[in-house]
Amino acid sequence: MRLAFKCMALATFCFAIALASPEMALARVEKAASSRVSMDIPAGYEQSPLFSGFVNKEEGVSIVVVEMPDAAYDQVAKGLTADALAAKGLRNAKVITLSRPPPYVFMRAEQKTPEGDYDKLMLVLRERGTTALVTANIRKTELATGPETEKQVQGILASARITADPAPPRKVYTLGYLGPFKPADTILGTTQAYTLDGKIEPERKDVPRAILIVAPSLDRRPVPPDDKYAEKLLEGLPGLTGFKIHERSIRRIASLEAVELTATAHDKDQKGKVFVYQALLLGSQGGYYRIVGQAPLADSEALMPVFRKIAESFRPIE
C-alpha cells in the first residue's frame, strides 16, 4: 500500500526563472533542514519550523524542498506538464527556460485551494545522484510587493544546488509509543512514515499493508476546531474513494485540541476496502499536526487501538 496522504503542497512542485534583484545581493547561501539543497536566501526568509524549506511570513511565501533518488527524476519531470498539472487543479501552467545546465524542468502555475489562491513556482533538478523538487507557494492575497515578490522568489529557486552533505534535521515532534511500527522514510524533512517492516516500498505491491504517517501542516494558519476541516483532509487522501466515517470525536492530546476520525474507504489500487484513522491536532501557535493510519480492513480491530495509542503518545516540539 502506498503512502496514504498528500502533505498539503507535496502534490505540486514548482520552479521559476532566475532574475537578478537588489535583494538577492544580500542573500545568504543556506540549506533547508535535513536537505542537501542550498539556495540564496534573502533577508526576510527563515527556516520553516514545520517542513524542510523556508518561509517569509510578511509576504506569504513558503519554499518547500523534497529530495528523492536519482531514478525519480524522469517520472517527476514527465509529471510537470500543463495537462498533468491541470488534472491536479493547477491552471495556466507554462514551461520557462532557465540559464542553468540541464537536466531540470521549470514551470509556473496557479492554484485555488481552500486556504486561498496561490502562484506556484516549480523546479525539478538532478545533481550528485539526487533528484530535488523545490516548490514555491506564493499566496496572492498576502503579497506585499506583488510582481516583485515573485521576481525575488524566482531568483531564490534559480540558485538551487544539490550539495554533498545534508543540513542537520529539525525535529518538531516525538512519539513515546510506536508499537509494532518502525520508521520507514522522511518527507519534507519533518513528515515521517512508519511501516511494520520499516520499509517504505512493499516487497509485493499487490499485497495491502499498514502504514502510519505523522505530518505537520506547511504553515501556521488557524484551523477550524471542528470535524469539517478534518473530514475534508481525510477525504483528500490519494488513492482512496468512497469514504464512510464511522466515529467522530473531539478530545485533547498533549494539551492540544484533537479532532479524531475513523473511517473505511475503497482503495482504487487494491480494489478493496481499507480502514483509516486520523487525528488532527491543532497547534498552539496555529497550524496542525496530522496523524494518519491506514490498514487493510481485516487488520482494523488489531491496529485501531495501536493507531490511537501512538496518537496519544504524540508530543510537539514548538
C-alpha atoms as a PDB file:
ATOM      1  CA  MET A   1       0.000   0.000   0.000  1.00  0.00           C
ATOM      2  CA  ARG A   2       1.475   3.342  -0.943  1.00  0.00           C
ATOM      3  CA  LEU A   3       1.828   6.461   1.174  1.00  0.00           C
ATOM      4  CA  ALA A   4      -1.704   7.346   2.177  1.00  0.00           C
ATOM      5  CA  PHE A   5      -1.826  11.057   2.032  1.00  0.00           C
ATOM      6  CA  LYS A   6      -0.747  14.044   0.027  1.00  0.00           C
ATOM      7  CA  CYS A   7       1.060  16.587   2.582  1.00  0.00           C
ATOM      8  CA  MET A   8      -0.593  19.631   1.677  1.00  0.00           C
ATOM      9  CA  ALA A   9       1.782  21.058  -1.110  1.00  0.00           C
ATOM     10  CA  LEU A  10       3.556  17.792  -1.811  1.00  0.00           C
ATOM     11  CA  ALA A  11       1.241  17.145  -4.726  1.00  0.00           C
ATOM     12  CA  THR A  12       2.681  20.110  -6.671  1.00  0.00           C
ATOM     13  CA  PHE A  13       6.287  21.130  -7.164  1.00  0.00           C
ATOM     14  CA  CYS A  14       7.269  24.451  -8.634  1.00  0.00           C
ATOM     15  CA  PHE A  15      10.224  26.246 -10.127  1.00  0.00           C
ATOM     16  CA  ALA A  16      10.866  29.683 -11.615  1.00  0.00           C
ATOM     17  CA  ILE A  17      13.145  31.738 -13.850  1.00  0.00           C
ATOM     18  CA  ALA A  18      16.315  33.377 -12.473  1.00  0.00           C
ATOM     19  CA  LEU A  19      16.070  37.174 -12.444  1.00  0.00           C
ATOM     20  CA  ALA A  20      18.539  39.494 -10.754  1.00  0.00           C
ATOM     21  CA  SER A  21      17.236  41.755  -7.997  1.00  0.00           C
ATOM     22  CA  PRO A  22      18.831  44.091  -5.409  1.00  0.00           C
ATOM     23  CA  GLU A  23      17.586  41.884  -2.578  1.00  0.00           C
ATOM     24  CA  MET A  24      19.491  38.847  -3.889  1.00  0.00           C
ATOM     25  CA  ALA A  25      22.787  40.724  -3.463  1.00  0.00           C
ATOM     26  CA  LEU A  26      22.261  40.455   0.298  1.00  0.00           C
ATOM     27  CA  ALA A  27      21.316  36.785   0.159  1.00  0.00           C
ATOM     28  CA  ARG A  28      22.999  34.134   2.277  1.00  0.00           C
ATOM     29  CA  VAL A  29      23.645  30.645   0.960  1.00  0.00           C
ATOM     30  CA  GLU A  30      21.701  28.257   3.180  1.00  0.00           C
ATOM     31  CA  LYS A  31      20.485  24.668   3.138  1.00  0.00           C
ATOM     32  CA  ALA A  32      16.966  23.642   4.113  1.00  0.00           C
ATOM     33  CA  ALA A  33      16.814  21.479   7.256  1.00  0.00           C
ATOM     34  CA  SER A  34      17.571  17.788   6.595  1.00  0.00           C
ATOM     35  CA  SER A  35      18.330  18.673   2.974  1.00  0.00           C
ATOM     36  CA  ARG A  36      21.354  18.795   0.670  1.00  0.00           C
ATOM     37  CA  VAL A  37      19.712  21.581  -1.362  1.00  0.00           C
ATOM     38  CA  SER A  38      21.269  25.017  -0.897  1.00  0.00           C
ATOM     39  CA  MET A  39      19.756  28.301  -2.101  1.00  0.00           C
ATOM     40  CA  ASP A  40      20.488  32.023  -1.967  1.00  0.00           C
ATOM     41  CA  ILE A  41      18.131  33.142   0.807  1.00  0.00           C
ATOM     42  CA  PRO A  42      17.446  36.909   1.122  1.00  0.00           C
ATOM     43  CA  ALA A  43      16.579  38.822   4.265  1.00  0.00           C
ATOM     44  CA  GLY A  44      13.000  38.259   5.400  1.00  0.00           C
ATOM     45  CA  TYR A  45      13.165  34.477   4.952  1.00  0.00           C
ATOM     46  CA  GLU A  46      13.741  31.987   7.734  1.00  0.00           C
ATOM     47  CA  GLN A  47      13.906  28.222   8.133  1.00  0.00           C
ATOM     48  CA  SER A  48      10.431  26.744   8.429  1.00  0.00           C
ATOM     49  CA  PRO A  49       9.778  25.093  11.814  1.00  0.00           C
ATOM     50  CA  LEU A  50       7.338  22.681  10.136  1.00  0.00           C
ATOM     51  CA  PHE A  51       8.987  21.367   6.959  1.00  0.00           C
ATOM     52  CA  SER A  52      12.252  21.291   5.031  1.00  0.00           C
ATOM     53  CA  GLY A  53      12.327  24.734   3.469  1.00  0.00           C
ATOM     54  CA  PHE A  54      11.899  28.435   4.113  1.00  0.00           C
ATOM     55  CA  VAL A  55       9.089  30.899   4.815  1.00  0.00           C
ATOM     56  CA  ASN A  56       8.550  34.634   4.517  1.00  0.00           C
ATOM     57  CA  LYS A  57       5.603  35.359   6.794  1.00  0.00           C
ATOM     58  CA  GLU A  58       5.257  39.003   5.779  1.00  0.00           C
ATOM     59  CA  GLU A  59       4.848  38.219   2.089  1.00  0.00           C
ATOM     60  CA  GLY A  60       3.011  34.894   2.409  1.00  0.00           C
ATOM     61  CA  VAL A  61       5.699  32.769   0.735  1.00  0.00           C
ATOM     62  CA  SER A  62       6.753  29.198   1.504  1.00  0.00           C
ATOM     63  CA  ILE A  63       9.537  27.302  -0.267  1.00  0.00           C
ATOM     64  CA  VAL A  64       9.372  23.532   0.177  1.00  0.00           C
ATOM     65  CA  VAL A  65      12.278  21.176  -0.598  1.00  0.00           C
ATOM     66  CA  VAL A  66      11.836  17.463  -1.322  1.00  0.00           C
ATOM     67  CA  GLU A  67      14.706  15.091  -2.134  1.00  0.00           C
ATOM     68  CA  MET A  68      14.302  11.800  -3.987  1.00  0.00           C
ATOM     69  CA  PRO A  69      16.545   9.134  -5.519  1.00  0.00           C
ATOM     70  CA  ASP A  70      18.253   9.866  -8.819  1.00  0.00           C
ATOM     71  CA  ALA A  71      15.948   7.444 -10.644  1.00  0.00           C
ATOM     72  CA  ALA A  72      12.880   9.506  -9.723  1.00  0.00           C
ATOM     73  CA  TYR A  73      13.852  12.405 -11.992  1.00  0.00           C
ATOM     74  CA  ASP A  74      12.327  11.116 -15.245  1.00  0.00           C
ATOM     75  CA  GLN A  75       8.998  10.251 -13.634  1.00  0.00           C
ATOM     76  CA  VAL A  76       8.705  13.581 -11.812  1.00  0.00           C
ATOM     77  CA  ALA A  77       9.773  15.583 -14.870  1.00  0.00           C
ATOM     78  CA  LYS A  78       7.131  13.860 -17.006  1.00  0.00           C
ATOM     79  CA  GLY A  79       4.517  14.903 -14.459  1.00  0.00           C
ATOM     80  CA  LEU A  80       5.427  18.566 -14.834  1.00  0.00           C
ATOM     81  CA  THR A  81       3.333  19.280 -17.905  1.00  0.00           C
ATOM     82  CA  ALA A  82       0.383  21.611 -18.337  1.00  0.00           C
ATOM     83  CA  ASP A  83      -2.026  18.687 -18.776  1.00  0.00           C
ATOM     84  CA  ALA A  84      -0.711  16.746 -15.781  1.00  0.00           C
ATOM     85  CA  LEU A  85      -0.835  19.800 -13.540  1.00  0.00           C
ATOM     86  CA  ALA A  86      -4.319  20.738 -14.775  1.00  0.00           C
ATOM     87  CA  ALA A  87      -5.503  17.307 -13.643  1.00  0.00           C
ATOM     88  CA  LYS A  88      -4.290  18.252 -10.152  1.00  0.00           C
ATOM     89  CA  GLY A  89      -6.123  21.564 -10.165  1.00  0.00           C
ATOM     90  CA  LEU A  90      -3.286  23.849 -11.305  1.00  0.00           C
ATOM     91  CA  ARG A  91      -4.196  26.348 -14.003  1.00  0.00           C
ATOM     92  CA  ASN A  92      -2.267  28.352 -16.614  1.00  0.00           C
ATOM     93  CA  ALA A  93       0.843  26.195 -16.285  1.00  0.00           C
ATOM     94  CA  LYS A  94       3.740  27.061 -18.559  1.00  0.00           C
ATOM     95  CA  VAL A  95       7.341  25.945 -19.024  1.00  0.00           C
ATOM     96  CA  ILE A  96      10.099  28.535 -18.618  1.00  0.00           C
ATOM     97  CA  THR A  97      13.717  28.132 -19.725  1.00  0.00           C
ATOM     98  CA  LEU A  98      16.478  28.955 -17.255  1.00  0.00           C
ATOM     99  CA  SER A  99      20.115  29.822 -17.841  1.00  0.00           C
ATOM    100  CA  ARG A 100      21.389  26.808 -15.927  1.00  0.00           C
ATOM    101  CA  PRO A 101      22.754  23.461 -17.067  1.00  0.00           C
ATOM    102  CA  PRO A 102      20.363  20.562 -17.655  1.00  0.00           C
ATOM    103  CA  PRO A 103      18.732  18.429 -16.515  1.00  0.00           C
ATOM    104  CA  TYR A 104      15.921  20.461 -14.996  1.00  0.00           C
ATOM    105  CA  VAL A 105      12.295  21.397 -15.592  1.00  0.00           C
ATOM    106  CA  PHE A 106      10.912  24.749 -14.504  1.00  0.00           C
ATOM    107  CA  MET A 107       7.209  25.674 -14.508  1.00  0.00           C
ATOM    108  CA  ARG A 108       4.846  28.335 -13.242  1.00  0.00           C
ATOM    109  CA  ALA A 109       1.163  27.723 -12.476  1.00  0.00           C
ATOM    110  CA  GLU A 110      -1.769  28.962 -10.403  1.00  0.00           C
ATOM    111  CA  GLN A 111      -3.828  27.056  -7.872  1.00  0.00           C
ATOM    112  CA  LYS A 112      -7.048  27.635  -5.952  1.00  0.00           C
ATOM    113  CA  THR A 113      -7.161  25.936  -2.540  1.00  0.00           C
ATOM    114  CA  PRO A 114      -9.487  26.085   0.485  1.00  0.00           C
ATOM    115  CA  GLU A 115      -6.853  28.304   2.115  1.00  0.00           C
ATOM    116  CA  GLY A 116      -6.685  30.793  -0.784  1.00  0.00           C
ATOM    117  CA  ASP A 117      -5.231  31.387  -4.261  1.00  0.00           C
ATOM    118  CA  TYR A 118      -1.556  30.663  -4.918  1.00  0.00           C
ATOM    119  CA  ASP A 119       1.062  31.204  -7.574  1.00  0.00           C
ATOM    120  CA  LYS A 120       3.191  28.053  -7.805  1.00  0.00           C
ATOM    121  CA  LEU A 121       6.789  28.067  -8.998  1.00  0.00           C
ATOM    122  CA  MET A 122       8.158  24.563  -9.632  1.00  0.00           C
ATOM    123  CA  LEU A 123      11.660  23.198 -10.159  1.00  0.00           C
ATOM    124  CA  VAL A 124      12.876  19.632 -10.538  1.00  0.00           C
ATOM    125  CA  LEU A 125      16.630  19.203 -10.889  1.00  0.00           C
ATOM    126  CA  ARG A 126      19.130  16.377 -10.698  1.00  0.00           C
ATOM    127  CA  GLU A 127      22.702  16.641  -9.429  1.00  0.00           C
ATOM    128  CA  ARG A 128      25.140  14.448  -7.492  1.00  0.00           C
ATOM    129  CA  GLY A 129      22.975  11.353  -7.932  1.00  0.00           C
ATOM    130  CA  THR A 130      19.955  13.029  -6.299  1.00  0.00           C
ATOM    131  CA  THR A 131      16.665  14.409  -7.619  1.00  0.00           C
ATOM    132  CA  ALA A 132      15.321  17.500  -5.869  1.00  0.00           C
ATOM    133  CA  LEU A 133      11.914  19.131  -6.113  1.00  0.00           C
ATOM    134  CA  VAL A 134      11.699  22.742  -4.991  1.00  0.00           C
ATOM    135  CA  THR A 135       8.248  24.343  -4.745  1.00  0.00           C
ATOM    136  CA  ALA A 136       7.496  27.990  -4.052  1.00  0.00           C
ATOM    137  CA  ASN A 137       3.955  28.795  -2.917  1.00  0.00           C
ATOM    138  CA  ILE A 138       3.051  32.484  -3.063  1.00  0.00           C
ATOM    139  CA  ARG A 139      -0.292  33.339  -1.527  1.00  0.00           C
ATOM    140  CA  LYS A 140      -1.810  36.020  -3.722  1.00  0.00           C
ATOM    141  CA  THR A 141      -3.911  37.723  -1.053  1.00  0.00           C
ATOM    142  CA  GLU A 142      -0.864  38.221   1.180  1.00  0.00           C
ATOM    143  CA  LEU A 143       1.593  39.650  -1.322  1.00  0.00           C
ATOM    144  CA  ALA A 144       3.232  42.815  -0.053  1.00  0.00           C
ATOM    145  CA  THR A 145       5.121  43.695  -3.241  1.00  0.00           C
ATOM    146  CA  GLY A 146       3.157  41.968  -5.992  1.00  0.00           C
ATOM    147  CA  PRO A 147       5.310  41.038  -9.022  1.00  0.00           C
ATOM    148  CA  GLU A 148       8.483  41.981  -7.114  1.00  0.00           C
ATOM    149  CA  THR A 149       7.831  39.172  -4.649  1.00  0.00           C
ATOM    150  CA  GLU A 150       7.541  36.603  -7.422  1.00  0.00           C
ATOM    151  CA  LYS A 151      10.642  38.010  -9.096  1.00  0.00           C
ATOM    152  CA  GLN A 152      12.618  37.550  -5.899  1.00  0.00           C
ATOM    153  CA  VAL A 153      11.308  34.026  -5.345  1.00  0.00           C
ATOM    154  CA  GLN A 154      12.250  33.101  -8.903  1.00  0.00           C
ATOM    155  CA  GLY A 155      15.810  34.150  -8.137  1.00  0.00           C
ATOM    156  CA  ILE A 156      15.864  32.031  -4.980  1.00  0.00           C
ATOM    157  CA  LEU A 157      14.748  28.899  -6.812  1.00  0.00           C
ATOM    158  CA  ALA A 158      17.096  29.550  -9.731  1.00  0.00           C
ATOM    159  CA  SER A 159      20.020  29.429  -7.294  1.00  0.00           C
ATOM    160  CA  ALA A 160      19.135  25.912  -6.040  1.00  0.00           C
ATOM    161  CA  ARG A 161      22.045  23.472  -5.988  1.00  0.00           C
ATOM    162  CA  ILE A 162      22.479  19.978  -4.552  1.00  0.00           C
ATOM    163  CA  THR A 163      25.478  19.781  -2.240  1.00  0.00           C
ATOM    164  CA  ALA A 164      27.467  16.832  -0.944  1.00  0.00           C
ATOM    165  CA  ASP A 165      26.206  16.793   2.649  1.00  0.00           C
ATOM    166  CA  PRO A 166      22.770  17.421   4.204  1.00  0.00           C
ATOM    167  CA  ALA A 167      21.968  20.048   6.797  1.00  0.00           C
ATOM    168  CA  PRO A 168      21.037  18.796  10.281  1.00  0.00           C
ATOM    169  CA  PRO A 169      17.417  17.608  10.661  1.00  0.00           C
ATOM    170  CA  ARG A 170      14.806  19.576  12.571  1.00  0.00           C
ATOM    171  CA  LYS A 171      12.688  17.604  14.997  1.00  0.00           C
ATOM    172  CA  VAL A 172       9.186  19.008  15.531  1.00  0.00           C
ATOM    173  CA  TYR A 173       7.556  16.169  17.474  1.00  0.00           C
ATOM    174  CA  THR A 174       8.236  12.995  19.436  1.00  0.00           C
ATOM    175  CA  LEU A 175       6.304   9.737  19.733  1.00  0.00           C
ATOM    176  CA  GLY A 176       6.519   7.892  23.033  1.00  0.00           C
ATOM    177  CA  TYR A 177       4.966   4.744  21.577  1.00  0.00           C
ATOM    178  CA  LEU A 178       5.191   3.062  18.182  1.00  0.00           C
ATOM    179  CA  GLY A 179       4.002  -0.449  18.945  1.00  0.00           C
ATOM    180  CA  PRO A 180       4.932  -2.727  16.020  1.00  0.00           C
ATOM    181  CA  PHE A 181       5.653   0.184  13.650  1.00  0.00           C
ATOM    182  CA  LYS A 182       9.143   1.223  12.572  1.00  0.00           C
ATOM    183  CA  PRO A 183      10.396   4.449  10.930  1.00  0.00           C
ATOM    184  CA  ALA A 184      10.402   3.989   7.155  1.00  0.00           C
ATOM    185  CA  ASP A 185      11.088   7.285   5.406  1.00  0.00           C
ATOM    186  CA  THR A 186      11.145  11.042   5.909  1.00  0.00           C
ATOM    187  CA  ILE A 187       9.360  13.512   3.643  1.00  0.00           C
ATOM    188  CA  LEU A 188       9.883  17.300   3.636  1.00  0.00           C
ATOM    189  CA  GLY A 189      12.349  16.892   6.471  1.00  0.00           C
ATOM    190  CA  THR A 190       9.660  16.671   9.160  1.00  0.00           C
ATOM    191  CA  THR A 191       6.963  14.312   7.840  1.00  0.00           C
ATOM    192  CA  GLN A 192       7.652  10.719   8.829  1.00  0.00           C
ATOM    193  CA  ALA A 193       6.240   7.457   7.505  1.00  0.00           C
ATOM    194  CA  TYR A 194       6.154   4.284   9.619  1.00  0.00           C
ATOM    195  CA  THR A 195       5.518   0.712   8.482  1.00  0.00           C
ATOM    196  CA  LEU A 196       5.561  -2.696  10.116  1.00  0.00           C
ATOM    197  CA  ASP A 197       8.781  -3.702   8.324  1.00  0.00           C
ATOM    198  CA  GLY A 198      10.470  -0.299   8.327  1.00  0.00           C
ATOM    199  CA  LYS A 199      10.442  -0.132   4.511  1.00  0.00           C
ATOM    200  CA  ILE A 200       8.595   2.475   2.512  1.00  0.00           C
ATOM    201  CA  GLU A 201       8.208   0.230  -0.555  1.00  0.00           C
ATOM    202  CA  PRO A 202       6.428  -3.106  -0.046  1.00  0.00           C
ATOM    203  CA  GLU A 203       8.085  -6.291  -1.232  1.00  0.00           C
ATOM    204  CA  ARG A 204       4.863  -7.158  -3.073  1.00  0.00           C
ATOM    205  CA  LYS A 205       2.807  -4.252  -4.386  1.00  0.00           C
ATOM    206  CA  ASP A 206      -0.294  -6.419  -4.768  1.00  0.00           C
ATOM    207  CA  VAL A 207      -0.447  -7.137  -1.025  1.00  0.00           C
ATOM    208  CA  PRO A 208      -2.113  -4.405   1.106  1.00  0.00           C
ATOM    209  CA  ARG A 209      -0.257  -3.378   4.247  1.00  0.00           C
ATOM    210  CA  ALA A 210      -0.478  -0.987   7.145  1.00  0.00           C
ATOM    211  CA  ILE A 211       1.196   2.431   7.158  1.00  0.00           C
ATOM    212  CA  LEU A 212       1.254   5.381   9.548  1.00  0.00           C
ATOM    213  CA  ILE A 213       2.210   8.954   8.676  1.00  0.00           C
ATOM    214  CA  VAL A 214       2.820  11.877  11.022  1.00  0.00           C
ATOM    215  CA  ALA A 215       2.942  15.280   9.334  1.00  0.00           C
ATOM    216  CA  PRO A 216       2.844  18.910  10.423  1.00  0.00           C
ATOM    217  CA  SER A 217       0.983  21.470   8.309  1.00  0.00           C
ATOM    218  CA  LEU A 218       3.018  23.582   5.915  1.00  0.00           C
ATOM    219  CA  ASP A 219       2.179  26.796   7.760  1.00  0.00           C
ATOM    220  CA  ARG A 220       0.625  28.027  10.999  1.00  0.00           C
ATOM    221  CA  ARG A 221      -2.621  29.350   9.553  1.00  0.00           C
ATOM    222  CA  PRO A 222      -5.510  28.949  12.055  1.00  0.00           C
ATOM    223  CA  VAL A 223      -7.504  25.723  11.662  1.00  0.00           C
ATOM    224  CA  PRO A 224     -11.253  25.465  12.445  1.00  0.00           C
ATOM    225  CA  PRO A 225     -11.757  23.482  15.711  1.00  0.00           C
ATOM    226  CA  ASP A 226     -14.416  21.142  14.297  1.00  0.00           C
ATOM    227  CA  ASP A 227     -14.599  17.958  12.268  1.00  0.00           C
ATOM    228  CA  LYS A 228     -15.488  19.564   8.917  1.00  0.00           C
ATOM    229  CA  TYR A 229     -11.937  20.623   8.067  1.00  0.00           C
ATOM    230  CA  ALA A 230     -10.570  17.316   9.386  1.00  0.00           C
ATOM    231  CA  GLU A 231     -13.052  15.456   7.201  1.00  0.00           C
ATOM    232  CA  LYS A 232     -12.001  17.453   4.146  1.00  0.00           C
ATOM    233  CA  LEU A 233      -8.372  16.484   4.750  1.00  0.00           C
ATOM    234  CA  LEU A 234      -9.333  12.853   5.262  1.00  0.00           C
ATOM    235  CA  GLU A 235     -11.280  12.689   2.016  1.00  0.00           C
ATOM    236  CA  GLY A 236      -8.305  14.182   0.168  1.00  0.00           C
ATOM    237  CA  LEU A 237      -6.158  11.091   0.758  1.00  0.00           C
ATOM    238  CA  PRO A 238      -4.886   9.958  -2.665  1.00  0.00           C
ATOM    239  CA  GLY A 239      -5.795   6.533  -3.958  1.00  0.00           C
ATOM    240  CA  LEU A 240      -8.881   6.255  -1.746  1.00  0.00           C
ATOM    241  CA  THR A 241     -12.519   6.913  -2.530  1.00  0.00           C
ATOM    242  CA  GLY A 242     -15.982   6.251  -1.118  1.00  0.00           C
ATOM    243  CA  PHE A 243     -15.191   7.318   2.436  1.00  0.00           C
ATOM    244  CA  LYS A 244     -17.627   6.334   5.168  1.00  0.00           C
ATOM    245  CA  ILE A 245     -16.920   7.919   8.544  1.00  0.00           C
ATOM    246  CA  HIS A 246     -17.815   5.709  11.486  1.00  0.00           C
ATOM    247  CA  GLU A 247     -16.629   7.736  14.503  1.00  0.00           C
ATOM    248  CA  ARG A 248     -16.033  11.411  15.203  1.00  0.00           C
ATOM    249  CA  SER A 249     -14.710  12.831  18.448  1.00  0.00           C
ATOM    250  CA  ILE A 250     -13.016  15.948  19.785  1.00  0.00           C
ATOM    251  CA  ARG A 251     -10.535  15.285  22.572  1.00  0.00           C
ATOM    252  CA  ARG A 252      -7.217  16.532  23.927  1.00  0.00           C
ATOM    253  CA  ILE A 253      -3.801  15.075  23.159  1.00  0.00           C
ATOM    254  CA  ALA A 254      -0.640  16.615  24.621  1.00  0.00           C
ATOM    255  CA  SER A 255      -2.739  19.581  25.820  1.00  0.00           C
ATOM    256  CA  LEU A 256      -3.817  20.233  22.221  1.00  0.00           C
ATOM    257  CA  GLU A 257      -7.346  20.004  20.906  1.00  0.00           C
ATOM    258  CA  ALA A 258      -7.586  16.970  18.616  1.00  0.00           C
ATOM    259  CA  VAL A 259     -10.246  16.019  16.076  1.00  0.00           C
ATOM    260  CA  GLU A 260     -10.317  12.239  15.714  1.00  0.00           C
ATOM    261  CA  LEU A 261     -11.980  10.397  12.822  1.00  0.00           C
ATOM    262  CA  THR A 262     -12.213   6.729  11.926  1.00  0.00           C
ATOM    263  CA  ALA A 263     -13.475   5.629   8.528  1.00  0.00           C
ATOM    264  CA  THR A 264     -13.466   2.998   5.829  1.00  0.00           C
ATOM    265  CA  ALA A 265     -12.732   3.681   2.180  1.00  0.00           C
ATOM    266  CA  HIS A 266     -12.212   1.904  -1.112  1.00  0.00           C
ATOM    267  CA  ASP A 267      -8.619   1.505  -2.259  1.00  0.00           C
ATOM    268  CA  LYS A 268      -8.583   2.154  -6.004  1.00  0.00           C
ATOM    269  CA  ASP A 269      -5.281   0.316  -6.482  1.00  0.00           C
ATOM    270  CA  GLN A 270      -6.032  -2.775  -4.430  1.00  0.00           C
ATOM    271  CA  LYS A 271      -9.736  -2.943  -5.381  1.00  0.00           C
ATOM    272  CA  GLY A 272     -10.747  -3.476  -1.777  1.00  0.00           C
ATOM    273  CA  LYS A 273     -11.674  -1.700   1.454  1.00  0.00           C
ATOM    274  CA  VAL A 274      -9.249  -0.186   3.942  1.00  0.00           C
ATOM    275  CA  PHE A 275      -9.549   1.178   7.448  1.00  0.00           C
ATOM    276  CA  VAL A 276      -8.374   4.764   8.051  1.00  0.00           C
ATOM    277  CA  TYR A 277      -7.651   6.547  11.339  1.00  0.00           C
ATOM    278  CA  GLN A 278      -6.907  10.268  11.510  1.00  0.00           C
ATOM    279  CA  ALA A 279      -6.092  12.515  14.456  1.00  0.00           C
ATOM    280  CA  LEU A 280      -5.805  16.220  13.640  1.00  0.00           C
ATOM    281  CA  LEU A 281      -4.092  18.089  16.476  1.00  0.00           C
ATOM    282  CA  LEU A 282      -4.471  21.872  16.433  1.00  0.00           C
ATOM    283  CA  GLY A 283      -1.145  23.593  17.086  1.00  0.00           C
ATOM    284  CA  SER A 284      -0.920  26.028  19.990  1.00  0.00           C
ATOM    285  CA  GLN A 285       0.583  28.621  17.614  1.00  0.00           C
ATOM    286  CA  GLY A 286      -1.680  27.813  14.645  1.00  0.00           C
ATOM    287  CA  GLY A 287      -1.451  25.106  12.010  1.00  0.00           C
ATOM    288  CA  TYR A 288      -1.843  21.456  12.860  1.00  0.00           C
ATOM    289  CA  TYR A 289      -0.191  18.071  13.290  1.00  0.00           C
ATOM    290  CA  ARG A 290      -1.782  15.223  11.389  1.00  0.00           C
ATOM    291  CA  ILE A 291      -1.531  11.550  12.316  1.00  0.00           C
ATOM    292  CA  VAL A 292      -2.935   9.166   9.691  1.00  0.00           C
ATOM    293  CA  GLY A 293      -3.024   5.386   9.974  1.00  0.00           C
ATOM    294  CA  GLN A 294      -4.199   3.149   7.134  1.00  0.00           C
ATOM    295  CA  ALA A 295      -4.561  -0.630   7.156  1.00  0.00           C
ATOM    296  CA  PRO A 296      -6.394  -3.455   5.382  1.00  0.00           C
ATOM    297  CA  LEU A 297      -9.916  -3.751   6.729  1.00  0.00           C
ATOM    298  CA  ALA A 298      -9.169  -7.217   8.108  1.00  0.00           C
ATOM    299  CA  ASP A 299      -6.495  -5.696  10.397  1.00  0.00           C
ATOM    300  CA  SER A 300      -8.620  -2.834  11.723  1.00  0.00           C
ATOM    301  CA  GLU A 301      -9.614  -4.496  15.003  1.00  0.00           C
ATOM    302  CA  ALA A 302      -5.976  -5.175  15.904  1.00  0.00           C
ATOM    303  CA  LEU A 303      -4.457  -1.907  14.664  1.00  0.00           C
ATOM    304  CA  MET A 304      -7.095   0.655  15.639  1.00  0.00           C
ATOM    305  CA  PRO A 305      -6.011   0.627  19.325  1.00  0.00           C
ATOM    306  CA  VAL A 306      -2.385   0.862  18.185  1.00  0.00           C
ATOM    307  CA  PHE A 307      -3.043   3.922  15.985  1.00  0.00           C
ATOM    308  CA  ARG A 308      -4.884   5.617  18.843  1.00  0.00           C
ATOM    309  CA  LYS A 309      -2.146   4.823  21.379  1.00  0.00           C
ATOM    310  CA  ILE A 310       0.510   6.187  19.017  1.00  0.00           C
ATOM    311  CA  ALA A 311      -1.513   9.378  18.620  1.00  0.00           C
ATOM    312  CA  GLU A 312      -1.891   9.703  22.389  1.00  0.00           C
ATOM    313  CA  SER A 313       1.905   9.460  22.781  1.00  0.00           C
ATOM    314  CA  PHE A 314       2.483  12.417  20.417  1.00  0.00           C
ATOM    315  CA  ARG A 315       4.278  15.422  21.893  1.00  0.00           C
ATOM    316  CA  PRO A 316       5.014  18.574  19.845  1.00  0.00           C
ATOM    317  CA  ILE A 317       8.315  20.416  19.989  1.00  0.00           C
ATOM    318  CA  GLU A 318       7.383  24.057  19.445  1.00  0.00           C
END
